[in-house]
Amino acid sequence: SLPVLAALCDILDCSPGDLIEPYVEADRRKRTADE
């Protein structure tokens, strides 16, 4: 919840971007018979 996130940011003197680091997962393709 946003109130919990805001409280954590206030307690730890940080921004939401410091707590949450988004990233793109590696492509997990299924192998075909040829591969």
PDB file of all heavy atoms in Angstrom:
ATOM      1  N   SER A   1       0.835  -1.193   0.000  1.00  0.00           N
ATOM      2  CA  SER A   1       0.000   0.000   0.000  1.00  0.00           C
ATOM      3  C   SER A   1       0.874   1.249   0.000  1.00  0.00           C
ATOM      4  O   SER A   1       1.995   1.256   0.512  1.00  0.00           O
ATOM      5  CB  SER A   1      -0.934  -0.001   1.220  1.00  0.00           C
ATOM      6  OG  SER A   1      -0.185   0.215   2.390  1.00  0.00           O
ATOM      7  N   LEU A   2       0.353   2.312  -0.580  1.00  0.00           N
ATOM      8  CA  LEU A   2       1.105   3.562  -0.657  1.00  0.00           C
ATOM      9  C   LEU A   2       1.372   4.178   0.715  1.00  0.00           C
ATOM     10  O   LEU A   2       2.459   4.730   0.921  1.00  0.00           O
ATOM     11  CB  LEU A   2       0.398   4.542  -1.575  1.00  0.00           C
ATOM     12  CG  LEU A   2       0.458   4.165  -3.059  1.00  0.00           C
ATOM     13  CD1 LEU A   2      -0.300   5.173  -3.908  1.00  0.00           C
ATOM     14  CD2 LEU A   2       1.885   4.057  -3.530  1.00  0.00           C
ATOM     15  N   PRO A   3       0.449   4.098   1.683  1.00  0.00           N
ATOM     16  CA  PRO A   3       0.792   4.610   3.021  1.00  0.00           C
ATOM     17  C   PRO A   3       1.980   3.877   3.658  1.00  0.00           C
ATOM     18  O   PRO A   3       2.822   4.500   4.304  1.00  0.00           O
ATOM     19  CB  PRO A   3      -0.485   4.414   3.836  1.00  0.00           C
ATOM     20  CG  PRO A   3      -1.578   4.428   2.828  1.00  0.00           C
ATOM     21  CD  PRO A   3      -0.992   3.786   1.611  1.00  0.00           C
ATOM     22  N   VAL A   4       2.083   2.563   3.450  1.00  0.00           N
ATOM     23  CA  VAL A   4       3.219   1.808   3.998  1.00  0.00           C
ATOM     24  C   VAL A   4       4.504   2.224   3.286  1.00  0.00           C
ATOM     25  O   VAL A   4       5.538   2.444   3.922  1.00  0.00           O
ATOM     26  CB  VAL A   4       2.981   0.282   3.872  1.00  0.00           C
ATOM     27  CG1 VAL A   4       4.234  -0.497   4.256  1.00  0.00           C
ATOM     28  CG2 VAL A   4       1.801  -0.149   4.728  1.00  0.00           C
ATOM     29  N   LEU A   5       4.441   2.360   1.965  1.00  0.00           N
ATOM     30  CA  LEU A   5       5.612   2.791   1.207  1.00  0.00           C
ATOM     31  C   LEU A   5       6.058   4.189   1.624  1.00  0.00           C
ATOM     32  O   LEU A   5       7.254   4.440   1.827  1.00  0.00           O
ATOM     33  CB  LEU A   5       5.317   2.754  -0.294  1.00  0.00           C
ATOM     34  CG  LEU A   5       6.448   3.158  -1.226  1.00  0.00           C
ATOM     35  CD1 LEU A   5       7.636   2.223  -1.061  1.00  0.00           C
ATOM     36  CD2 LEU A   5       5.972   3.180  -2.660  1.00  0.00           C
ATOM     37  N   ALA A   6       5.097   5.093   1.809  1.00  0.00           N
ATOM     38  CA  ALA A   6       5.432   6.455   2.241  1.00  0.00           C
ATOM     39  C   ALA A   6       6.034   6.451   3.645  1.00  0.00           C
ATOM     40  O   ALA A   6       6.998   7.186   3.913  1.00  0.00           O
ATOM     41  CB  ALA A   6       4.179   7.330   2.209  1.00  0.00           C
ATOM     42  N   ALA A   7       5.517   5.606   4.534  1.00  0.00           N
ATOM     43  CA  ALA A   7       6.062   5.523   5.893  1.00  0.00           C
ATOM     44  C   ALA A   7       7.481   4.971   5.870  1.00  0.00           C
ATOM     45  O   ALA A   7       8.361   5.483   6.582  1.00  0.00           O
ATOM     46  CB  ALA A   7       5.159   4.654   6.772  1.00  0.00           C
ATOM     47  N   LEU A   8       7.731   3.955   5.064  1.00  0.00           N
ATOM     48  CA  LEU A   8       9.080   3.404   4.960  1.00  0.00           C
ATOM     49  C   LEU A   8      10.061   4.443   4.414  1.00  0.00           C
ATOM     50  O   LEU A   8      11.183   4.565   4.897  1.00  0.00           O
ATOM     51  CB  LEU A   8       9.079   2.157   4.067  1.00  0.00           C
ATOM     52  CG  LEU A   8       8.416   0.907   4.643  1.00  0.00           C
ATOM     53  CD1 LEU A   8       8.320  -0.180   3.585  1.00  0.00           C
ATOM     54  CD2 LEU A   8       9.176   0.402   5.859  1.00  0.00           C
ATOM     55  N   CYS A   9       9.615   5.193   3.414  1.00  0.00           N
ATOM     56  CA  CYS A   9      10.478   6.243   2.849  1.00  0.00           C
ATOM     57  C   CYS A   9      10.775   7.325   3.884  1.00  0.00           C
ATOM     58  O   CYS A   9      11.894   7.847   3.944  1.00  0.00           O
ATOM     59  CB  CYS A   9       9.826   6.850   1.610  1.00  0.00           C
ATOM     60  SG  CYS A   9       9.808   5.730   0.199  1.00  0.00           S
ATOM     61  N   ASP A  10       9.791   7.662   4.718  1.00  0.00           N
ATOM     62  CA  ASP A  10       9.997   8.667   5.755  1.00  0.00           C
ATOM     63  C   ASP A  10      10.940   8.148   6.839  1.00  0.00           C
ATOM     64  O   ASP A  10      11.842   8.852   7.274  1.00  0.00           O
ATOM     65  CB  ASP A  10       8.648   9.061   6.359  1.00  0.00           C
ATOM     66  CG  ASP A  10       8.792  10.164   7.390  1.00  0.00           C
ATOM     67  OD1 ASP A  10       9.470  11.171   7.113  1.00  0.00           O
ATOM     68  OD2 ASP A  10       8.233  10.003   8.500  1.00  0.00           O
ATOM     69  N   ILE A  11      10.738   6.904   7.262  1.00  0.00           N
ATOM     70  CA  ILE A  11      11.576   6.314   8.309  1.00  0.00           C
ATOM     71  C   ILE A  11      13.026   6.214   7.848  1.00  0.00           C
ATOM     72  O   ILE A  11      13.947   6.556   8.583  1.00  0.00           O
ATOM     73  CB  ILE A  11      11.045   4.911   8.697  1.00  0.00           C
ATOM     74  CG1 ILE A  11       9.698   5.020   9.410  1.00  0.00           C
ATOM     75  CG2 ILE A  11      12.050   4.157   9.564  1.00  0.00           C
ATOM     76  CD1 ILE A  11       8.963   3.703   9.528  1.00  0.00           C
ATOM     77  N   LEU A  12      13.231   5.764   6.630  1.00  0.00           N
ATOM     78  CA  LEU A  12      14.573   5.480   6.133  1.00  0.00           C
ATOM     79  C   LEU A  12      15.171   6.638   5.340  1.00  0.00           C
ATOM     80  O   LEU A  12      16.281   6.505   4.819  1.00  0.00           O
ATOM     81  CB  LEU A  12      14.543   4.211   5.287  1.00  0.00           C
ATOM     82  CG  LEU A  12      14.046   2.967   6.032  1.00  0.00           C
ATOM     83  CD1 LEU A  12      13.811   1.825   5.077  1.00  0.00           C
ATOM     84  CD2 LEU A  12      15.015   2.585   7.126  1.00  0.00           C
ATOM     85  N   ASP A  13      14.436   7.746   5.253  1.00  0.00           N
ATOM     86  CA  ASP A  13      14.905   8.933   4.549  1.00  0.00           C
ATOM     87  C   ASP A  13      15.400   8.576   3.145  1.00  0.00           C
ATOM     88  O   ASP A  13      16.537   8.836   2.767  1.00  0.00           O
ATOM     89  CB  ASP A  13      16.016   9.632   5.344  1.00  0.00           C
ATOM     90  CG  ASP A  13      16.313  11.021   4.796  1.00  0.00           C
ATOM     91  OD1 ASP A  13      15.379  11.649   4.277  1.00  0.00           O
ATOM     92  OD2 ASP A  13      17.481  11.454   4.883  1.00  0.00           O
ATOM     93  N   CYS A  14      14.512   7.917   2.379  1.00  0.00           N
ATOM     94  CA  CYS A  14      14.855   7.493   1.026  1.00  0.00           C
ATOM     95  C   CYS A  14      13.654   7.724   0.115  1.00  0.00           C
ATOM     96  O   CYS A  14      12.588   8.134   0.570  1.00  0.00           O
ATOM     97  CB  CYS A  14      15.266   6.022   1.012  1.00  0.00           C
ATOM     98  SG  CYS A  14      13.947   4.876   1.457  1.00  0.00           S
ATOM     99  N   SER A  15      13.829   7.460  -1.146  1.00  0.00           N
ATOM    100  CA  SER A  15      12.734   7.594  -2.105  1.00  0.00           C
ATOM    101  C   SER A  15      12.234   6.195  -2.478  1.00  0.00           C
ATOM    102  O   SER A  15      12.925   5.201  -2.241  1.00  0.00           O
ATOM    103  CB  SER A  15      13.221   8.336  -3.352  1.00  0.00           C
ATOM    104  OG  SER A  15      14.132   7.533  -4.054  1.00  0.00           O
ATOM    105  N   PRO A  16      11.044   6.106  -3.080  1.00  0.00           N
ATOM    106  CA  PRO A  16      10.561   4.785  -3.510  1.00  0.00           C
ATOM    107  C   PRO A  16      11.515   4.105  -4.488  1.00  0.00           C
ATOM    108  O   PRO A  16      11.642   2.880  -4.499  1.00  0.00           O
ATOM    109  CB  PRO A  16       9.215   5.090  -4.167  1.00  0.00           C
ATOM    110  CG  PRO A  16       8.761   6.342  -3.513  1.00  0.00           C
ATOM    111  CD  PRO A  16      10.010   7.129  -3.246  1.00  0.00           C
ATOM    112  N   GLY A  17      12.224   4.901  -5.304  1.00  0.00           N
ATOM    113  CA  GLY A  17      13.181   4.327  -6.240  1.00  0.00           C
ATOM    114  C   GLY A  17      14.375   3.673  -5.562  1.00  0.00           C
ATOM    115  O   GLY A  17      15.030   2.819  -6.148  1.00  0.00           O
ATOM    116  N   ASP A  18      14.661   4.081  -4.321  1.00  0.00           N
ATOM    117  CA  ASP A  18      15.737   3.438  -3.570  1.00  0.00           C
ATOM    118  C   ASP A  18      15.303   2.070  -3.056  1.00  0.00           C
ATOM    119  O   ASP A  18      16.121   1.150  -2.953  1.00  0.00           O
ATOM    120  CB  ASP A  18      16.164   4.297  -2.377  1.00  0.00           C
ATOM    121  CG  ASP A  18      16.747   5.626  -2.809  1.00  0.00           C
ATOM    122  OD1 ASP A  18      17.339   5.693  -3.900  1.00  0.00           O
ATOM    123  OD2 ASP A  18      16.602   6.608  -2.046  1.00  0.00           O
ATOM    124  N   LEU A  19      14.028   1.919  -2.735  1.00  0.00           N
ATOM    125  CA  LEU A  19      13.504   0.651  -2.226  1.00  0.00           C
ATOM    126  C   LEU A  19      13.192  -0.338  -3.342  1.00  0.00           C
ATOM    127  O   LEU A  19      13.370  -1.541  -3.177  1.00  0.00           O
ATOM    128  CB  LEU A  19      12.234   0.895  -1.408  1.00  0.00           C
ATOM    129  CG  LEU A  19      12.408   1.565  -0.054  1.00  0.00           C
ATOM    130  CD1 LEU A  19      11.056   1.943   0.526  1.00  0.00           C
ATOM    131  CD2 LEU A  19      13.161   0.660   0.888  1.00  0.00           C
ATOM    132  N   ILE A  20      12.721   0.167  -4.472  1.00  0.00           N
ATOM    133  CA  ILE A  20      12.265  -0.694  -5.564  1.00  0.00           C
ATOM    134  C   ILE A  20      13.122  -0.425  -6.789  1.00  0.00           C
ATOM    135  O   ILE A  20      13.177   0.693  -7.280  1.00  0.00           O
ATOM    136  CB  ILE A  20      10.786  -0.426  -5.902  1.00  0.00           C
ATOM    137  CG1 ILE A  20       9.918  -0.614  -4.661  1.00  0.00           C
ATOM    138  CG2 ILE A  20      10.325  -1.327  -7.031  1.00  0.00           C
ATOM    139  CD1 ILE A  20       8.535  -0.042  -4.798  1.00  0.00           C
ATOM    140  N   GLU A  21      13.792  -1.454  -7.283  1.00  0.00           N
ATOM    141  CA  GLU A  21      14.622  -1.339  -8.481  1.00  0.00           C
ATOM    142  C   GLU A  21      14.030  -2.242  -9.570  1.00  0.00           C
ATOM    143  O   GLU A  21      14.194  -3.459  -9.541  1.00  0.00           O
ATOM    144  CB  GLU A  21      16.055  -1.768  -8.173  1.00  0.00           C
ATOM    145  CG  GLU A  21      16.962  -1.730  -9.369  1.00  0.00           C
ATOM    146  CD  GLU A  21      18.295  -2.374  -9.077  1.00  0.00           C
ATOM    147  OE1 GLU A  21      18.601  -2.670  -7.910  1.00  0.00           O
ATOM    148  OE2 GLU A  21      19.034  -2.584 -10.043  1.00  0.00           O
ATOM    149  N   PRO A  22      13.320  -1.661 -10.539  1.00  0.00           N
ATOM    150  CA  PRO A  22      12.743  -2.482 -11.603  1.00  0.00           C
ATOM    151  C   PRO A  22      13.803  -2.942 -12.604  1.00  0.00           C
ATOM    152  O   PRO A  22      14.816  -2.268 -12.802  1.00  0.00           O
ATOM    153  CB  PRO A  22      11.727  -1.554 -12.266  1.00  0.00           C
ATOM    154  CG  PRO A  22      12.182  -0.187 -11.938  1.00  0.00           C
ATOM    155  CD  PRO A  22      12.950  -0.261 -10.656  1.00  0.00           C
ATOM    156  N   TYR A  23      13.565  -4.095 -13.213  1.00  0.00           N
ATOM    157  CA  TYR A  23      14.447  -4.597 -14.271  1.00  0.00           C
ATOM    158  C   TYR A  23      13.651  -5.494 -15.199  1.00  0.00           C
ATOM    159  O   TYR A  23      12.570  -5.969 -14.864  1.00  0.00           O
ATOM    160  CB  TYR A  23      15.658  -5.339 -13.687  1.00  0.00           C
ATOM    161  CG  TYR A  23      15.327  -6.651 -13.016  1.00  0.00           C
ATOM    162  CD1 TYR A  23      15.393  -7.852 -13.703  1.00  0.00           C
ATOM    163  CD2 TYR A  23      14.963  -6.695 -11.675  1.00  0.00           C
ATOM    164  CE1 TYR A  23      15.088  -9.043 -13.091  1.00  0.00           C
ATOM    165  CE2 TYR A  23      14.668  -7.885 -11.046  1.00  0.00           C
ATOM    166  CZ  TYR A  23      14.737  -9.057 -11.766  1.00  0.00           C
ATOM    167  OH  TYR A  23      14.431 -10.234 -11.155  1.00  0.00           O
ATOM    168  N   VAL A  24      14.191  -5.712 -16.379  1.00  0.00           N
ATOM    169  CA  VAL A  24      13.566  -6.585 -17.372  1.00  0.00           C
ATOM    170  C   VAL A  24      14.189  -7.963 -17.224  1.00  0.00           C
ATOM    171  O   VAL A  24      15.407  -8.111 -17.243  1.00  0.00           O
ATOM    172  CB  VAL A  24      13.784  -6.048 -18.804  1.00  0.00           C
ATOM    173  CG1 VAL A  24      13.182  -6.992 -19.822  1.00  0.00           C
ATOM    174  CG2 VAL A  24      13.201  -4.661 -18.939  1.00  0.00           C
ATOM    175  N   GLU A  25      13.334  -8.978 -17.069  1.00  0.00           N
ATOM    176  CA  GLU A  25      13.829 -10.341 -16.916  1.00  0.00           C
ATOM    177  C   GLU A  25      14.405 -10.833 -18.236  1.00  0.00           C
ATOM    178  O   GLU A  25      13.974 -10.427 -19.309  1.00  0.00           O
ATOM    179  CB  GLU A  25      12.702 -11.279 -16.486  1.00  0.00           C
ATOM    180  CG  GLU A  25      12.306 -11.132 -15.049  1.00  0.00           C
ATOM    181  CD  GLU A  25      11.293 -12.165 -14.620  1.00  0.00           C
ATOM    182  OE1 GLU A  25      10.745 -12.889 -15.486  1.00  0.00           O
ATOM    183  OE2 GLU A  25      11.038 -12.254 -13.423  1.00  0.00           O
ATOM    184  N   ALA A  26      15.362 -11.730 -18.135  1.00  0.00           N
ATOM    185  CA  ALA A  26      15.956 -12.328 -19.333  1.00  0.00           C
ATOM    186  C   ALA A  26      14.910 -13.154 -20.057  1.00  0.00           C
ATOM    187  O   ALA A  26      14.028 -13.761 -19.440  1.00  0.00           O
ATOM    188  CB  ALA A  26      17.138 -13.199 -18.937  1.00  0.00           C
ATOM    189  N   ASP A  27      15.019 -13.181 -21.378  1.00  0.00           N
ATOM    190  CA  ASP A  27      14.087 -13.918 -22.213  1.00  0.00           C
ATOM    191  C   ASP A  27      14.274 -15.413 -21.989  1.00  0.00           C
ATOM    192  O   ASP A  27      15.357 -15.950 -22.199  1.00  0.00           O
ATOM    193  CB  ASP A  27      14.324 -13.567 -23.677  1.00  0.00           C
ATOM    194  CG  ASP A  27      13.322 -14.235 -24.595  1.00  0.00           C
ATOM    195  OD1 ASP A  27      12.218 -14.577 -24.123  1.00  0.00           O
ATOM    196  OD2 ASP A  27      13.643 -14.400 -25.788  1.00  0.00           O
ATOM    197  N   ARG A  28      13.218 -16.067 -21.552  1.00  0.00           N
ATOM    198  CA  ARG A  28      13.282 -17.508 -21.318  1.00  0.00           C
ATOM    199  C   ARG A  28      12.513 -18.223 -22.423  1.00  0.00           C
ATOM    200  O   ARG A  28      11.348 -18.550 -22.282  1.00  0.00           O
ATOM    201  CB  ARG A  28      12.650 -17.865 -19.982  1.00  0.00           C
ATOM    202  CG  ARG A  28      13.406 -17.376 -18.806  1.00  0.00           C
ATOM    203  CD  ARG A  28      12.798 -17.970 -17.567  1.00  0.00           C
ATOM    204  NE  ARG A  28      12.880 -17.019 -16.481  1.00  0.00           N
ATOM    205  CZ  ARG A  28      12.101 -17.023 -15.428  1.00  0.00           C
ATOM    206  NH1 ARG A  28      11.165 -17.908 -15.315  1.00  0.00           N
ATOM    207  NH2 ARG A  28      12.246 -16.132 -14.486  1.00  0.00           N
ATOM    208  N   ARG A  29      13.178 -18.446 -23.521  1.00  0.00           N
ATOM    209  CA  ARG A  29      12.527 -19.144 -24.618  1.00  0.00           C
ATOM    210  C   ARG A  29      12.600 -20.643 -24.378  1.00  0.00           C
ATOM    211  O   ARG A  29      13.575 -21.145 -23.838  1.00  0.00           O
ATOM    212  CB  ARG A  29      13.211 -18.833 -25.946  1.00  0.00           C
ATOM    213  CG  ARG A  29      13.101 -17.405 -26.361  1.00  0.00           C
ATOM    214  CD  ARG A  29      13.704 -17.179 -27.712  1.00  0.00           C
ATOM    215  NE  ARG A  29      15.027 -17.793 -27.795  1.00  0.00           N
ATOM    216  CZ  ARG A  29      15.516 -18.340 -28.900  1.00  0.00           C
ATOM    217  NH1 ARG A  29      14.818 -18.348 -30.002  1.00  0.00           N
ATOM    218  NH2 ARG A  29      16.720 -18.862 -28.916  1.00  0.00           N
ATOM    219  N   LYS A  30      11.582 -21.329 -24.834  1.00  0.00           N
ATOM    220  CA  LYS A  30      11.616 -22.781 -24.760  1.00  0.00           C
ATOM    221  C   LYS A  30      12.468 -23.288 -25.915  1.00  0.00           C
ATOM    222  O   LYS A  30      12.431 -22.759 -27.014  1.00  0.00           O
ATOM    223  CB  LYS A  30      10.207 -23.358 -24.847  1.00  0.00           C
ATOM    224  CG  LYS A  30       9.375 -23.077 -23.629  1.00  0.00           C
ATOM    225  CD  LYS A  30       8.055 -23.781 -23.721  1.00  0.00           C
ATOM    226  CE  LYS A  30       7.249 -23.521 -22.461  1.00  0.00           C
ATOM    227  NZ  LYS A  30       5.956 -24.176 -22.513  1.00  0.00           N
ATOM    228  N   ARG A  31      13.224 -24.305 -25.647  1.00  0.00           N
ATOM    229  CA  ARG A  31      14.062 -24.884 -26.690  1.00  0.00           C
ATOM    230  C   ARG A  31      13.204 -25.685 -27.653  1.00  0.00           C
ATOM    231  O   ARG A  31      12.275 -26.376 -27.259  1.00  0.00           O
ATOM    232  CB  ARG A  31      15.108 -25.807 -26.097  1.00  0.00           C
ATOM    233  CG  ARG A  31      16.226 -25.100 -25.442  1.00  0.00           C
ATOM    234  CD  ARG A  31      17.247 -26.104 -25.028  1.00  0.00           C
ATOM    235  NE  ARG A  31      18.502 -25.432 -24.760  1.00  0.00           N
ATOM    236  CZ  ARG A  31      19.590 -26.055 -24.425  1.00  0.00           C
ATOM    237  NH1 ARG A  31      19.596 -27.365 -24.320  1.00  0.00           N
ATOM    238  NH2 ARG A  31      20.691 -25.393 -24.197  1.00  0.00           N
ATOM    239  N   THR A  32      13.560 -25.601 -28.898  1.00  0.00           N
ATOM    240  CA  THR A  32      12.902 -26.435 -29.895  1.00  0.00           C
ATOM    241  C   THR A  32      13.734 -27.695 -30.072  1.00  0.00           C
ATOM    242  O   THR A  32      14.849 -27.807 -29.561  1.00  0.00           O
ATOM    243  CB  THR A  32      12.779 -25.690 -31.238  1.00  0.00           C
ATOM    244  OG1 THR A  32      14.083 -25.383 -31.704  1.00  0.00           O
ATOM    245  CG2 THR A  32      11.963 -24.427 -31.075  1.00  0.00           C
ATOM    246  N   ALA A  33      13.227 -28.625 -30.844  1.00  0.00           N
ATOM    247  CA  ALA A  33      13.939 -29.879 -31.058  1.00  0.00           C
ATOM    248  C   ALA A  33      15.279 -29.641 -31.746  1.00  0.00           C
ATOM    249  O   ALA A  33      16.260 -30.354 -31.496  1.00  0.00           O
ATOM    250  CB  ALA A  33      13.089 -30.825 -31.875  1.00  0.00           C
ATOM    251  N   ASP A  34      15.361 -28.633 -32.605  1.00  0.00           N
ATOM    252  CA  ASP A  34      16.613 -28.352 -33.299  1.00  0.00           C
ATOM    253  C   ASP A  34      17.676 -27.797 -32.361  1.00  0.00           C
ATOM    254  O   ASP A  34      18.864 -27.990 -32.584  1.00  0.00           O
ATOM    255  CB  ASP A  34      16.380 -27.347 -34.434  1.00  0.00           C
ATOM    256  CG  ASP A  34      15.467 -27.916 -35.506  1.00  0.00           C
ATOM    257  OD1 ASP A  34      15.389 -29.161 -35.605  1.00  0.00           O
ATOM    258  OD2 ASP A  34      14.836 -27.132 -36.217  1.00  0.00           O
ATOM    259  N   GLU A  35      17.259 -27.088 -31.308  1.00  0.00           N
ATOM    260  CA  GLU A  35      18.208 -26.462 -30.395  1.00  0.00           C
ATOM    261  C   GLU A  35      18.593 -27.357 -29.229  1.00  0.00           C
ATOM    262  O   GLU A  35      19.459 -27.012 -28.447  1.00  0.00           O
ATOM    263  CB  GLU A  35      17.611 -25.171 -29.832  1.00  0.00           C
ATOM    264  CG  GLU A  35      17.384 -24.103 -30.863  1.00  0.00           C
ATOM    265  CD  GLU A  35      16.668 -22.908 -30.260  1.00  0.00           C
ATOM    266  OE1 GLU A  35      15.979 -23.097 -29.242  1.00  0.00           O
ATOM    267  OE2 GLU A  35      16.797 -21.814 -30.795  1.00  0.00           O
TER     268      GLU A  35
END
